[in-house]
Amino acid sequence: MESVLRVGKKRYRVILNGIHFSWTELDKKNRDKKTVSVPVSELIGVEKGRVEILPQKKVEESEQHFTVFSVMRGSCRSSPSGLWSVGRTEFYCSSRDHRDHWVTQLKTALAAKSGMRPQRLLVFINPYGGKKKGVQIYRTLASPLLELAGISAHVVVTERANQARDHILKKELTGFDGVVCVGGDGMFSELLHGVIGRTQQEAGLSEHDPTVTLQPCNLHIGIIPAGSTDCVCFATVGVNDPVTSTLHIIIGDSQPLDVCSVHHQSTLVRYSVSLVGYGFYGDVLAESEKHRWMGPLRYDYSGCVTYLSNRSYSGTVQFLPADPQVSSPRDNTRCLSGCRVCSESTERLFPQSDASSHTSSYSPSQYSQDSSQSEGDWVSIEGRFKCVSLTCMSSSCPRSPLGLSPAAHLADGTGDLILVRETHALGFLKYLHRHTNTEDQFDLPFVEVHRVRAVKFSLPPGEEDSEDEEDEEKQIEGWESKTETDGSTHKSMSQQHLAEKRDERGMGDDKKKKKKSDFLCGLCCSRAPSVSVWNCDGEILPFTEILCRVHGQLVRLFARGIEDGAGSRNCRVGNRKCKGRCVLHT
């Protein structure tokens, strides 16, 4: 369809085909000037009249106007490359019939994309996370855009910890195309555990068996950031912005994501997508739990306290190396949207399926995960470590734009194991500081990194029995005082386990006495603990000896990975430097 319409006082040749919607400015001699082109897949909606959606909806009736809303990328160099906003353009037609015809054609083009887009969502809002603005963010930013796109949403404002997880595990989910969390990484973790657990239950698979190949989840997960930490959103989208994340959900973007299962003996402890860390990162989290009253500042304070303690821990790390011919954590490549490594991994992980229809259901016979293959040889490393970290993504965040492992991939079926051996305080400070700039944090003599499929951690013989009761009680004190996201105290699996251990050993009666001792001790404690704790995506694990396995592309997010910054700049059609990745806007 093609017509000459007006935008403001200027004349434009407007063209709609099955792929693009574009409008080209015309001069007085009908010669083409600047062209603006938007893929039909990135149109949000069309409304009759002169309509505004954000910051609040305004409708001005007009028989000859219609308004088109579309995805618009940041156009200035100061904008983050992954930042999206809502593009709005008002078109003026020669008559009402002409206007109605254009609106009908645009809605027909959008309907053709409906198979790729969600139609009904289950939304969970954490009203207490971050700055406690989850409900406000959804109502003022996300909900108007979902309504514009014709997406219905059933909203649940959570009142307790793990409510979202339990809802997904137990309630009827027929008719929902995805689940969305409005909150931080903690709320995302609830959805992750619920979706994976539900899928394995329906498939008749045991999550507790570390050798089983888990079934990939068809139900997509969306993240609208509203927490104190939004690491998963930042690492998969490139920016923590509610509007950007909502737009990814609307257009139906689909990003597969690797998940790490953490086991102790024959029991599943937790799932992780970002960080499983022992030593420094575990100590920071354990210390921060004692100072939750400080809010987000507790992480800075706890980081300083932990750094000054300068601790290191003995342990044995075993791992299954990934194929070094596929990729390496030192190859200086970033996992961006359309990543070649992840795309090729889809074919390797699901050899009997069509990669283009990866969202369809799979039977266990289609899987080609590492657990069904010969495992290969385990590599063992012993020593004293400042920290042991396993991450399935870069784990980037605003403070560390490149993350713990800049070359980690989102969906290649591997994780990056980072070992920081015992070193002096200044050396470790240099390692930490390099996370905030572009220097290679692995280019240090006491740091090594390996791309792996599985990791085991164990204590030296006899070390597991040397944990004195006082150190364990300190951990219990911190975990039991933890205030969950709903503002009340709830016991997680880790807290319940530790409480039972304390009760079995009769430690409860000495609680007040030990608390006074801990307070007097402070930073001057002359006796450092011999064993640290594990930080699993912001939750403390109740076990020290664990087994971690990476499950390739186990879940899918409403995201597309971090877009290359070069693709976010405006350019003209016909520009030789434009490779077709740009979305052009005036």
Protein backbone atom coordinates (compact mmCIF):
# COMPACT_ATOMS: atom_id res chain seq x y z
CA MET A 1 0.00 0.00 0.00
CA GLU A 2 1.34 3.44 -0.91
CA SER A 3 0.00 6.98 -0.41
CA VAL A 4 1.16 10.55 0.04
CA LEU A 5 0.31 11.68 3.57
CA ARG A 6 1.29 14.56 5.80
CA VAL A 7 3.32 14.46 8.98
CA GLY A 8 3.04 17.89 10.52
CA LYS A 9 3.41 20.35 7.63
CA LYS A 10 5.57 18.09 5.48
CA ARG A 11 4.52 15.67 2.73
CA TYR A 12 5.64 12.05 2.86
CA ARG A 13 5.38 9.06 0.56
CA VAL A 14 4.17 6.32 2.95
CA ILE A 15 4.67 2.66 2.01
CA LEU A 16 3.53 -0.49 3.80
CA ASN A 17 4.66 -3.91 2.67
CA GLY A 18 4.89 -7.22 4.49
CA ILE A 19 8.28 -6.39 5.97
CA HIS A 20 8.61 -2.63 6.51
CA PHE A 21 6.51 0.44 7.15
CA SER A 22 8.34 3.49 5.81
CA TRP A 23 7.75 7.12 5.04
CA THR A 24 9.95 9.33 2.81
CA GLU A 25 9.92 13.11 2.93
CA LEU A 26 9.19 14.79 -0.41
CA ASP A 27 10.37 18.19 -1.55
CA LYS A 28 8.32 20.61 -3.63
CA LYS A 29 9.30 18.73 -6.79
CA ASN A 30 8.31 15.35 -5.32
CA ARG A 31 11.92 14.28 -5.01
CA ASP A 32 12.81 11.91 -2.16
CA LYS A 33 14.64 13.28 0.85
CA LYS A 34 15.02 11.54 4.22
CA THR A 35 13.44 8.10 4.73
CA VAL A 36 12.28 6.61 8.00
CA SER A 37 11.82 2.83 8.03
CA VAL A 38 10.45 0.56 10.75
CA PRO A 39 10.18 -3.23 10.51
CA VAL A 40 6.57 -4.34 10.81
CA SER A 41 7.75 -6.70 13.55
CA GLU A 42 8.67 -3.63 15.64
CA LEU A 43 5.38 -1.80 15.29
CA ILE A 44 3.60 -1.62 18.64
CA GLY A 45 0.14 -0.44 17.64
CA VAL A 46 -1.95 2.01 15.65
CA GLU A 47 -4.77 4.24 16.90
CA LYS A 48 -7.29 6.49 15.19
CA GLY A 49 -6.96 10.18 15.99
CA ARG A 50 -4.08 12.02 17.64
CA VAL A 51 -3.05 9.81 20.55
CA GLU A 52 -0.35 9.91 23.22
CA ILE A 53 0.40 6.95 25.51
CA LEU A 54 3.27 8.04 27.75
CA PRO A 55 3.64 9.64 30.24
CA GLN A 56 -0.17 9.45 30.28
CA LYS A 57 -2.77 8.58 27.69
CA LYS A 58 -4.32 11.48 25.77
CA VAL A 59 -6.73 11.12 22.85
CA GLU A 60 -7.74 13.94 20.51
CA GLU A 61 -10.49 12.89 18.14
CA SER A 62 -9.73 13.59 14.48
CA GLU A 63 -11.40 12.09 11.44
CA GLN A 64 -8.30 12.38 9.28
CA HIS A 65 -5.46 11.52 11.66
CA PHE A 66 -4.03 8.22 12.80
CA THR A 67 -1.09 7.61 15.13
CA VAL A 68 1.52 4.87 14.75
CA PHE A 69 3.60 3.64 17.70
CA SER A 70 6.83 1.75 17.13
CA VAL A 71 10.12 0.77 18.72
CA MET A 72 12.68 3.57 18.61
CA ARG A 73 16.31 3.03 19.53
CA GLY A 74 18.43 5.60 21.33
CA SER A 75 19.53 8.10 18.70
CA CYS A 76 22.17 10.05 20.61
CA ARG A 77 25.64 8.83 21.43
CA SER A 78 25.08 9.44 25.13
CA SER A 79 22.19 6.95 25.20
CA PRO A 80 22.97 3.33 26.11
CA SER A 81 23.07 1.18 22.98
CA GLY A 82 20.31 -1.12 24.26
CA LEU A 83 17.90 1.64 25.28
CA TRP A 84 14.55 1.54 23.51
CA SER A 85 11.73 4.07 23.64
CA VAL A 86 8.31 4.48 22.06
CA GLY A 87 8.35 6.16 18.67
CA ARG A 88 5.15 8.10 17.91
CA THR A 89 4.19 9.51 14.50
CA GLU A 90 0.92 11.24 13.54
CA PHE A 91 -0.22 10.91 9.90
CA TYR A 92 -2.81 13.15 8.25
CA CYS A 93 -4.97 11.69 5.47
CA SER A 94 -7.09 13.35 2.81
CA SER A 95 -10.35 11.85 4.14
CA ARG A 96 -11.83 9.72 6.89
CA ASP A 97 -12.20 6.73 4.56
CA HIS A 98 -8.57 7.05 3.57
CA ARG A 99 -7.59 7.14 7.26
CA ASP A 100 -9.70 4.07 8.06
CA HIS A 101 -8.18 2.15 5.16
CA TRP A 102 -4.65 2.81 6.44
CA VAL A 103 -5.56 1.82 9.99
CA THR A 104 -7.13 -1.43 8.73
CA GLN A 105 -4.07 -2.31 6.66
CA LEU A 106 -1.68 -1.60 9.53
CA LYS A 107 -3.71 -3.69 11.97
CA THR A 108 -3.83 -6.51 9.42
CA ALA A 109 -0.02 -6.37 9.14
CA LEU A 110 0.27 -6.49 12.95
CA ALA A 111 -2.17 -9.41 13.12
CA ALA A 112 0.11 -11.34 10.78
CA LYS A 113 2.80 -11.06 13.47
CA SER A 114 0.50 -12.17 16.29
CA GLY A 115 1.80 -15.74 16.16
CA MET A 116 5.20 -14.48 17.30
CA ARG A 117 3.85 -12.16 19.99
CA PRO A 118 2.34 -12.99 23.38
CA GLN A 119 -1.41 -12.48 23.66
CA ARG A 120 -1.91 -13.19 27.39
CA LEU A 121 0.61 -12.80 30.21
CA LEU A 122 0.77 -13.72 33.89
CA VAL A 123 2.43 -10.77 35.66
CA PHE A 124 3.89 -10.88 39.19
CA ILE A 125 4.72 -7.60 40.90
CA ASN A 126 7.00 -7.37 43.92
CA PRO A 127 5.77 -4.25 45.76
CA TYR A 128 8.68 -4.25 48.21
CA GLY A 129 11.72 -4.78 46.00
CA GLY A 130 14.27 -2.08 45.23
CA LYS A 131 12.80 1.35 45.94
CA LYS A 132 9.32 -0.16 46.40
CA LYS A 133 8.09 1.25 43.09
CA GLY A 134 7.15 -2.01 41.36
CA VAL A 135 3.40 -1.31 41.28
CA GLN A 136 3.94 2.27 40.08
CA ILE A 137 6.36 1.18 37.34
CA TYR A 138 3.91 -1.38 36.01
CA ARG A 139 0.85 0.89 36.09
CA THR A 140 2.48 3.97 34.56
CA LEU A 141 4.97 2.46 32.11
CA ALA A 142 4.30 -1.19 31.30
CA SER A 143 0.52 -1.55 31.47
CA PRO A 144 -0.32 1.27 28.98
CA LEU A 145 2.04 -0.23 26.41
CA LEU A 146 0.64 -3.76 26.85
CA GLU A 147 -2.87 -2.37 26.42
CA LEU A 148 -1.82 -0.49 23.28
CA ALA A 149 -0.41 -3.71 21.83
CA GLY A 150 -3.61 -5.62 22.62
CA ILE A 151 -1.96 -7.90 25.19
CA SER A 152 -4.07 -8.93 28.17
CA ALA A 153 -2.43 -9.48 31.55
CA HIS A 154 -3.47 -11.19 34.76
CA VAL A 155 -1.64 -9.31 37.53
CA VAL A 156 -0.66 -10.75 40.91
CA VAL A 157 0.86 -8.41 43.50
CA THR A 158 2.83 -10.75 45.74
CA GLU A 159 2.39 -10.68 49.51
CA ARG A 160 4.99 -13.21 50.61
CA ALA A 161 8.26 -14.80 49.55
CA ASN A 162 8.02 -17.59 46.94
CA GLN A 163 4.38 -16.78 46.17
CA ALA A 164 5.17 -16.42 42.47
CA ARG A 165 7.07 -19.71 42.40
CA ASP A 166 4.26 -21.57 44.17
CA HIS A 167 1.63 -20.03 41.88
CA ILE A 168 3.47 -21.25 38.77
CA LEU A 169 3.99 -24.72 40.24
CA LYS A 170 0.39 -25.26 41.38
CA LYS A 171 -2.05 -23.05 39.46
CA GLU A 172 -3.56 -23.56 36.03
CA LEU A 173 -1.44 -21.86 33.36
CA THR A 174 -3.36 -22.81 30.24
CA GLY A 175 -3.74 -19.86 27.90
CA PHE A 176 -0.73 -17.91 29.13
CA ASP A 177 2.05 -17.22 26.64
CA GLY A 178 4.54 -16.13 29.28
CA VAL A 179 5.15 -15.09 32.86
CA VAL A 180 6.55 -11.68 33.72
CA CYS A 181 8.13 -10.37 36.90
CA VAL A 182 8.18 -6.71 37.91
CA GLY A 183 11.02 -6.72 40.40
CA GLY A 184 14.68 -7.63 40.75
CA ASP A 185 16.83 -10.74 40.47
CA GLY A 186 15.13 -12.33 43.49
CA MET A 187 11.72 -12.20 41.85
CA PHE A 188 13.18 -13.49 38.59
CA SER A 189 14.65 -16.44 40.50
CA GLU A 190 11.19 -17.31 41.80
CA LEU A 191 9.81 -17.41 38.26
CA LEU A 192 12.83 -19.39 37.06
CA HIS A 193 12.39 -22.09 39.71
CA GLY A 194 8.63 -22.20 39.13
CA VAL A 195 8.84 -22.53 35.34
CA ILE A 196 11.62 -25.15 35.40
CA GLY A 197 9.98 -27.12 38.20
CA ARG A 198 6.58 -27.11 36.46
CA THR A 199 8.11 -28.25 33.17
CA GLN A 200 10.02 -31.14 34.76
CA GLN A 201 6.97 -32.25 36.73
CA GLU A 202 4.87 -32.41 33.58
CA ALA A 203 7.67 -34.29 31.80
CA GLY A 204 8.02 -36.78 34.65
CA LEU A 205 11.69 -35.93 35.24
CA SER A 206 13.50 -35.70 38.57
CA GLU A 207 15.21 -32.37 39.19
CA HIS A 208 17.25 -33.93 41.98
CA ASP A 209 19.16 -36.29 39.68
CA PRO A 210 22.26 -34.35 38.54
CA THR A 211 22.72 -36.69 35.56
CA VAL A 212 19.26 -36.20 34.08
CA THR A 213 18.77 -34.05 30.98
CA LEU A 214 16.15 -31.48 31.91
CA GLN A 215 13.38 -30.61 29.46
CA PRO A 216 13.56 -27.10 27.97
CA CYS A 217 10.74 -24.79 29.05
CA ASN A 218 8.26 -23.46 26.49
CA LEU A 219 6.79 -20.77 28.75
CA HIS A 220 8.74 -17.54 28.23
CA ILE A 221 9.91 -15.38 31.14
CA GLY A 222 9.88 -11.59 30.98
CA ILE A 223 11.69 -9.18 33.29
CA ILE A 224 10.56 -5.60 33.91
CA PRO A 225 13.36 -4.26 36.15
CA ALA A 226 12.25 -2.76 39.45
CA GLY A 227 14.68 -4.22 42.00
CA SER A 228 17.81 -3.21 43.83
CA THR A 229 19.79 -5.58 41.58
CA ASP A 230 18.75 -6.35 38.01
CA CYS A 231 21.79 -8.26 36.80
CA VAL A 232 19.89 -10.75 34.63
CA CYS A 233 18.02 -7.99 32.81
CA PHE A 234 21.18 -5.96 32.22
CA ALA A 235 23.13 -8.97 30.93
CA THR A 236 20.40 -10.04 28.49
CA VAL A 237 19.12 -6.65 27.29
CA GLY A 238 22.05 -4.30 27.91
CA VAL A 239 20.16 -1.76 30.00
CA ASN A 240 17.90 -1.69 33.05
CA ASP A 241 14.90 0.20 31.70
CA PRO A 242 11.24 -0.79 32.22
CA VAL A 243 10.07 0.61 28.87
CA THR A 244 12.80 -1.21 26.94
CA SER A 245 11.99 -4.52 28.64
CA THR A 246 8.25 -4.07 28.05
CA LEU A 247 8.86 -3.45 24.35
CA HIS A 248 10.91 -6.66 24.08
CA ILE A 249 7.96 -8.51 25.63
CA ILE A 250 5.44 -6.90 23.28
CA ILE A 251 7.25 -7.76 20.05
CA GLY A 252 7.83 -11.31 21.25
CA ASP A 253 11.61 -11.42 21.32
CA SER A 254 12.95 -14.80 22.38
CA GLN A 255 16.40 -15.33 23.91
CA PRO A 256 17.44 -18.83 25.06
CA LEU A 257 19.35 -18.95 28.32
CA ASP A 258 21.62 -21.51 29.95
CA VAL A 259 20.82 -22.52 33.53
CA CYS A 260 23.13 -24.04 36.13
CA SER A 261 21.65 -26.60 38.53
CA VAL A 262 23.35 -26.80 41.93
CA HIS A 263 23.24 -30.13 43.75
CA HIS A 264 24.38 -31.45 47.10
CA GLN A 265 24.74 -35.21 46.93
CA SER A 266 21.40 -36.35 45.42
CA THR A 267 19.42 -33.19 46.18
CA LEU A 268 18.78 -30.13 44.02
CA VAL A 269 19.67 -27.03 46.03
CA ARG A 270 18.96 -24.19 43.57
CA TYR A 271 19.12 -23.03 39.97
CA SER A 272 21.42 -20.21 38.90
CA VAL A 273 21.81 -18.13 35.76
CA SER A 274 24.36 -15.53 36.82
CA LEU A 275 26.73 -16.25 39.74
CA VAL A 276 27.59 -19.19 41.95
CA GLY A 277 30.42 -17.77 44.07
CA TYR A 278 32.47 -19.08 47.01
CA GLY A 279 34.89 -17.09 49.12
CA PHE A 280 34.79 -13.33 48.63
CA TYR A 281 31.34 -13.14 47.01
CA GLY A 282 29.88 -15.54 49.55
CA ASP A 283 31.38 -13.61 52.45
CA VAL A 284 30.04 -10.30 51.10
CA LEU A 285 26.51 -11.70 50.92
CA ALA A 286 26.71 -13.29 54.37
CA GLU A 287 27.97 -10.03 55.86
CA SER A 288 25.32 -7.97 54.06
CA GLU A 289 22.53 -10.07 55.57
CA LYS A 290 23.46 -8.67 58.99
CA HIS A 291 22.90 -5.10 57.75
CA ARG A 292 19.71 -5.25 55.69
CA TRP A 293 18.53 -2.11 57.49
CA MET A 294 21.10 -0.20 55.43
CA GLY A 295 19.30 -0.94 52.16
CA PRO A 296 21.41 -1.23 48.96
CA LEU A 297 24.32 0.49 50.75
CA ARG A 298 24.85 -2.70 52.72
CA TYR A 299 26.58 -4.26 49.72
CA ASP A 300 29.21 -1.49 49.56
CA TYR A 301 29.77 -1.65 53.30
CA SER A 302 29.96 -5.46 53.34
CA GLY A 303 32.33 -5.44 50.37
CA CYS A 304 34.73 -3.17 52.23
CA VAL A 305 34.54 -5.23 55.41
CA THR A 306 35.13 -8.47 53.51
CA TYR A 307 38.02 -7.03 51.51
CA LEU A 308 39.75 -5.78 54.67
CA SER A 309 39.45 -9.24 56.24
CA ASN A 310 41.66 -10.55 53.37
CA ARG A 311 40.51 -14.17 53.70
CA SER A 312 41.27 -17.16 51.54
CA TYR A 313 39.95 -20.71 51.75
CA SER A 314 41.23 -24.20 51.01
CA GLY A 315 39.36 -26.40 48.59
CA THR A 316 39.45 -28.78 45.66
CA VAL A 317 37.83 -27.71 42.39
CA GLN A 318 37.06 -30.30 39.71
CA PHE A 319 35.56 -29.44 36.35
CA LEU A 320 34.61 -30.87 32.96
CA PRO A 321 36.19 -28.67 30.27
CA ALA A 322 34.12 -27.52 27.32
CA ASP A 323 35.34 -27.93 23.75
CA PRO A 324 38.08 -25.29 23.32
CA GLN A 325 37.56 -25.35 19.54
CA VAL A 326 34.09 -23.81 19.90
CA SER A 327 34.92 -20.81 22.09
CA SER A 328 37.16 -19.62 24.88
CA PRO A 329 36.71 -17.22 27.81
CA ARG A 330 39.84 -15.40 26.59
CA ASP A 331 38.86 -14.98 22.91
CA ASN A 332 37.72 -11.34 23.41
CA THR A 333 34.35 -11.92 21.75
CA ARG A 334 31.11 -10.67 23.28
CA CYS A 335 27.79 -12.49 23.20
CA LEU A 336 25.61 -10.01 21.30
CA SER A 337 22.22 -10.30 19.64
CA GLY A 338 22.39 -12.96 16.93
CA CYS A 339 25.52 -14.50 18.49
CA ARG A 340 27.12 -17.06 16.16
CA VAL A 341 28.38 -19.29 18.98
CA CYS A 342 24.94 -19.52 20.58
CA SER A 343 23.23 -20.13 17.24
CA GLU A 344 25.58 -22.99 16.40
CA SER A 345 25.09 -24.36 19.91
CA THR A 346 21.34 -24.65 19.26
CA GLU A 347 22.10 -27.08 16.43
CA ARG A 348 24.50 -29.00 18.67
CA LEU A 349 22.18 -29.17 21.68
CA PHE A 350 19.05 -30.00 19.65
CA PRO A 351 20.31 -31.81 16.54
CA GLN A 352 16.92 -33.33 15.58
CA SER A 353 14.96 -30.10 15.91
CA ASP A 354 14.54 -27.12 13.65
CA ALA A 355 16.51 -24.24 15.19
CA SER A 356 14.06 -21.75 13.72
CA SER A 357 11.18 -23.33 15.64
CA HIS A 358 13.00 -23.84 18.90
CA THR A 359 10.00 -22.65 20.89
CA SER A 360 8.07 -25.79 20.05
CA SER A 361 7.85 -28.76 22.37
CA TYR A 362 10.64 -31.30 22.57
CA SER A 363 10.80 -34.92 23.54
CA PRO A 364 13.75 -36.25 25.56
CA SER A 365 14.97 -38.20 22.54
CA GLN A 366 15.76 -34.93 20.75
CA TYR A 367 18.24 -33.75 23.38
CA SER A 368 21.97 -33.99 22.91
CA GLN A 369 23.14 -32.55 26.21
CA ASP A 370 26.49 -33.40 27.75
CA SER A 371 24.98 -35.67 30.39
CA SER A 372 23.86 -38.09 27.68
CA GLN A 373 27.31 -38.12 26.12
CA SER A 374 30.56 -39.45 27.50
CA GLU A 375 31.57 -36.99 30.16
CA GLY A 376 35.25 -36.92 29.40
CA ASP A 377 38.04 -36.38 31.89
CA TRP A 378 37.58 -34.25 34.98
CA VAL A 379 40.34 -31.75 35.77
CA SER A 380 41.22 -31.25 39.43
CA ILE A 381 42.81 -28.17 41.04
CA GLU A 382 43.67 -27.89 44.74
CA GLY A 383 44.81 -24.87 46.71
CA ARG A 384 43.75 -21.83 48.65
CA PHE A 385 41.42 -19.44 46.85
CA LYS A 386 40.26 -15.89 47.42
CA CYS A 387 37.16 -16.74 45.43
CA VAL A 388 35.75 -19.47 43.20
CA SER A 389 33.08 -18.28 40.74
CA LEU A 390 30.93 -19.98 38.11
CA THR A 391 28.82 -17.86 35.78
CA CYS A 392 26.61 -18.80 32.81
CA MET A 393 26.60 -15.23 31.47
CA SER A 394 28.83 -12.19 31.55
CA SER A 395 27.07 -11.06 34.77
CA SER A 396 27.48 -7.47 33.64
CA CYS A 397 25.81 -4.66 35.55
CA PRO A 398 25.98 -0.84 35.58
CA ARG A 399 28.97 -0.90 37.92
CA SER A 400 30.74 -3.58 35.90
CA PRO A 401 29.69 -3.01 32.27
CA LEU A 402 31.65 -6.00 30.95
CA GLY A 403 30.92 -8.27 33.92
CA LEU A 404 32.73 -11.10 35.67
CA SER A 405 33.49 -12.86 32.37
CA PRO A 406 33.11 -10.53 29.36
CA ALA A 407 33.30 -13.33 26.77
CA ALA A 408 30.73 -15.63 28.44
CA HIS A 409 27.78 -16.69 26.30
CA LEU A 410 24.10 -16.74 27.17
CA ALA A 411 23.12 -19.93 25.36
CA ASP A 412 26.09 -22.12 24.44
CA GLY A 413 25.60 -24.79 27.12
CA THR A 414 28.71 -23.82 29.08
CA GLY A 415 29.75 -21.71 32.05
CA ASP A 416 32.95 -19.87 32.91
CA LEU A 417 34.82 -21.01 36.01
CA ILE A 418 36.99 -18.26 37.53
CA LEU A 419 39.60 -19.19 40.14
CA VAL A 420 41.34 -16.45 42.09
CA ARG A 421 44.15 -17.97 44.14
CA GLU A 422 45.43 -16.63 47.43
CA THR A 423 47.27 -13.36 46.93
CA HIS A 424 48.11 -10.15 48.76
CA ALA A 425 45.42 -7.55 49.36
CA LEU A 426 46.66 -5.07 46.74
CA GLY A 427 46.74 -7.75 44.07
CA PHE A 428 43.15 -8.72 44.81
CA LEU A 429 42.14 -5.06 44.78
CA LYS A 430 43.64 -4.75 41.29
CA TYR A 431 41.55 -7.75 40.21
CA LEU A 432 38.36 -6.22 41.59
CA HIS A 433 39.08 -2.80 40.09
CA ARG A 434 39.52 -4.26 36.61
CA HIS A 435 35.85 -5.27 36.68
CA THR A 436 34.96 -1.57 36.47
CA ASN A 437 37.06 -0.78 33.38
CA THR A 438 38.20 -2.41 30.15
CA GLU A 439 41.40 -3.99 31.48
CA ASP A 440 41.60 -7.78 31.30
CA GLN A 441 40.84 -9.06 34.81
CA PHE A 442 42.14 -12.49 33.83
CA ASP A 443 45.59 -11.17 32.89
CA LEU A 444 46.94 -11.60 36.42
CA PRO A 445 49.27 -14.37 37.66
CA PHE A 446 46.90 -15.52 40.42
CA VAL A 447 43.76 -15.68 38.23
CA GLU A 448 42.70 -18.44 35.85
CA VAL A 449 39.49 -18.99 33.90
CA HIS A 450 38.09 -22.13 32.27
CA ARG A 451 35.05 -22.77 30.06
CA VAL A 452 33.28 -25.73 31.61
CA ARG A 453 30.21 -27.97 31.48
CA ALA A 454 30.20 -29.03 35.11
CA VAL A 455 32.00 -28.17 38.37
CA LYS A 456 32.49 -29.97 41.69
CA PHE A 457 33.78 -28.33 44.85
CA SER A 458 34.95 -30.20 47.93
CA LEU A 459 36.83 -29.38 51.11
CA PRO A 460 40.19 -30.93 51.99
CA PRO A 461 39.96 -34.18 53.99
CA GLY A 462 38.92 -33.38 57.54
CA GLU A 463 38.21 -29.73 56.73
CA GLU A 464 34.45 -30.26 56.68
CA ASP A 465 34.61 -31.35 60.33
CA SER A 466 36.74 -28.40 61.42
CA GLU A 467 33.98 -25.82 61.09
CA ASP A 468 33.55 -24.74 64.68
CA GLU A 469 30.07 -24.17 65.99
CA GLU A 470 30.64 -20.49 66.59
CA ASP A 471 31.30 -19.76 62.92
CA GLU A 472 28.23 -21.71 61.86
CA GLU A 473 26.10 -19.89 64.41
CA LYS A 474 27.29 -16.56 62.98
CA GLN A 475 26.01 -17.64 59.58
CA ILE A 476 22.70 -18.75 61.07
CA GLU A 477 22.32 -15.41 62.88
CA GLY A 478 22.72 -13.51 59.63
CA TRP A 479 20.37 -15.73 57.61
CA GLU A 480 17.64 -15.89 60.22
CA SER A 481 17.55 -12.10 60.50
CA LYS A 482 17.00 -11.80 56.77
CA THR A 483 13.90 -9.81 55.84
CA GLU A 484 12.38 -11.14 52.66
CA THR A 485 10.98 -8.99 49.90
CA ASP A 486 7.51 -8.76 51.39
CA GLY A 487 8.75 -7.00 54.52
CA SER A 488 8.27 -9.95 56.87
CA THR A 489 10.59 -12.78 57.93
CA HIS A 490 10.33 -15.97 55.91
CA LYS A 491 12.61 -18.99 56.00
CA SER A 492 14.06 -20.10 52.71
CA MET A 493 15.25 -23.65 52.16
CA SER A 494 18.73 -22.59 53.30
CA GLN A 495 17.39 -20.99 56.48
CA GLN A 496 15.23 -23.99 57.35
CA HIS A 497 18.16 -26.34 56.92
CA LEU A 498 20.41 -24.31 59.19
CA ALA A 499 17.73 -23.79 61.81
CA GLU A 500 17.22 -27.55 61.98
CA LYS A 501 20.96 -28.10 62.40
CA ARG A 502 21.11 -25.59 65.21
CA ASP A 503 18.14 -27.13 67.00
CA GLU A 504 19.66 -30.60 66.69
CA ARG A 505 22.85 -29.41 68.37
CA GLY A 506 21.10 -27.39 71.06
CA MET A 507 22.54 -24.11 69.92
CA GLY A 508 19.40 -22.07 70.40
CA ASP A 509 19.89 -21.61 74.17
CA ASP A 510 23.21 -19.86 73.66
CA LYS A 511 21.89 -17.41 71.07
CA LYS A 512 21.96 -14.24 73.15
CA LYS A 513 25.35 -14.99 74.62
CA LYS A 514 26.94 -15.56 71.23
CA LYS A 515 25.36 -12.44 69.76
CA LYS A 516 27.05 -10.31 72.41
CA SER A 517 30.36 -12.03 71.70
CA ASP A 518 30.01 -11.39 67.95
CA PHE A 519 29.25 -7.73 68.51
CA LEU A 520 32.34 -7.21 70.64
CA CYS A 521 34.46 -9.10 68.16
CA GLY A 522 33.70 -7.06 65.02
CA LEU A 523 36.50 -6.57 62.49
CA CYS A 524 39.18 -7.37 65.05
CA CYS A 525 38.27 -11.05 65.24
CA SER A 526 41.57 -12.87 65.51
CA ARG A 527 40.12 -16.15 64.32
CA ALA A 528 39.00 -16.19 60.69
CA PRO A 529 36.54 -18.92 59.60
CA SER A 530 38.09 -21.87 57.81
CA VAL A 531 35.13 -22.32 55.48
CA SER A 532 33.17 -19.77 53.44
CA VAL A 533 29.64 -19.96 52.02
CA TRP A 534 28.23 -20.10 48.50
CA ASN A 535 26.45 -17.12 46.98
CA CYS A 536 23.94 -18.42 44.43
CA ASP A 537 22.32 -15.51 42.59
CA GLY A 538 22.04 -13.56 45.83
CA GLU A 539 20.98 -16.48 48.05
CA ILE A 540 23.22 -18.28 50.53
CA LEU A 541 23.46 -22.04 50.07
CA PRO A 542 23.32 -24.29 53.16
CA PHE A 543 26.00 -26.63 51.81
CA THR A 544 29.70 -26.19 51.04
CA GLU A 545 30.39 -29.27 48.90
CA ILE A 546 28.34 -28.97 45.73
CA LEU A 547 28.05 -30.16 42.14
CA CYS A 548 27.04 -27.71 39.39
CA ARG A 549 25.85 -28.70 35.91
CA VAL A 550 25.10 -26.35 33.03
CA HIS A 551 21.89 -27.08 31.10
CA GLY A 552 22.01 -25.53 27.66
CA GLN A 553 19.13 -23.25 26.61
CA LEU A 554 16.86 -24.53 29.36
CA VAL A 555 14.64 -21.42 29.50
CA ARG A 556 13.72 -18.59 27.16
CA LEU A 557 13.40 -14.90 27.97
CA PHE A 558 11.51 -12.09 26.27
CA ALA A 559 14.79 -10.55 25.11
CA ARG A 560 17.18 -10.67 22.15
CA GLY A 561 20.58 -10.26 23.78
CA ILE A 562 22.62 -7.10 23.85
CA GLU A 563 22.48 -5.23 20.55
CA ASP A 564 25.64 -3.96 18.95
CA GLY A 565 25.93 -0.23 19.66
CA ALA A 566 26.72 0.41 16.01
CA GLY A 567 23.22 -0.67 15.12
CA SER A 568 21.55 1.95 17.27
CA ARG A 569 22.55 5.05 15.34
CA ASN A 570 20.30 6.73 12.81
CA CYS A 571 21.26 6.58 9.15
CA ARG A 572 19.69 7.10 5.78
CA VAL A 573 18.43 4.39 3.48
CA GLY A 574 21.13 3.73 0.93
CA ASN A 575 23.98 4.50 3.28
CA ARG A 576 26.75 2.04 2.42
CA LYS A 577 27.66 1.68 6.11
CA CYS A 578 24.13 0.53 6.98
CA LYS A 579 24.00 -3.26 7.06
CA GLY A 580 20.25 -3.51 7.47
CA ARG A 581 20.36 -3.63 11.26
CA CYS A 582 19.27 -0.03 11.77
CA VAL A 583 15.81 1.21 12.59
CA LEU A 584 15.49 4.69 11.17
CA HIS A 585 13.54 7.46 12.85
CA THR A 586 13.20 11.20 12.51
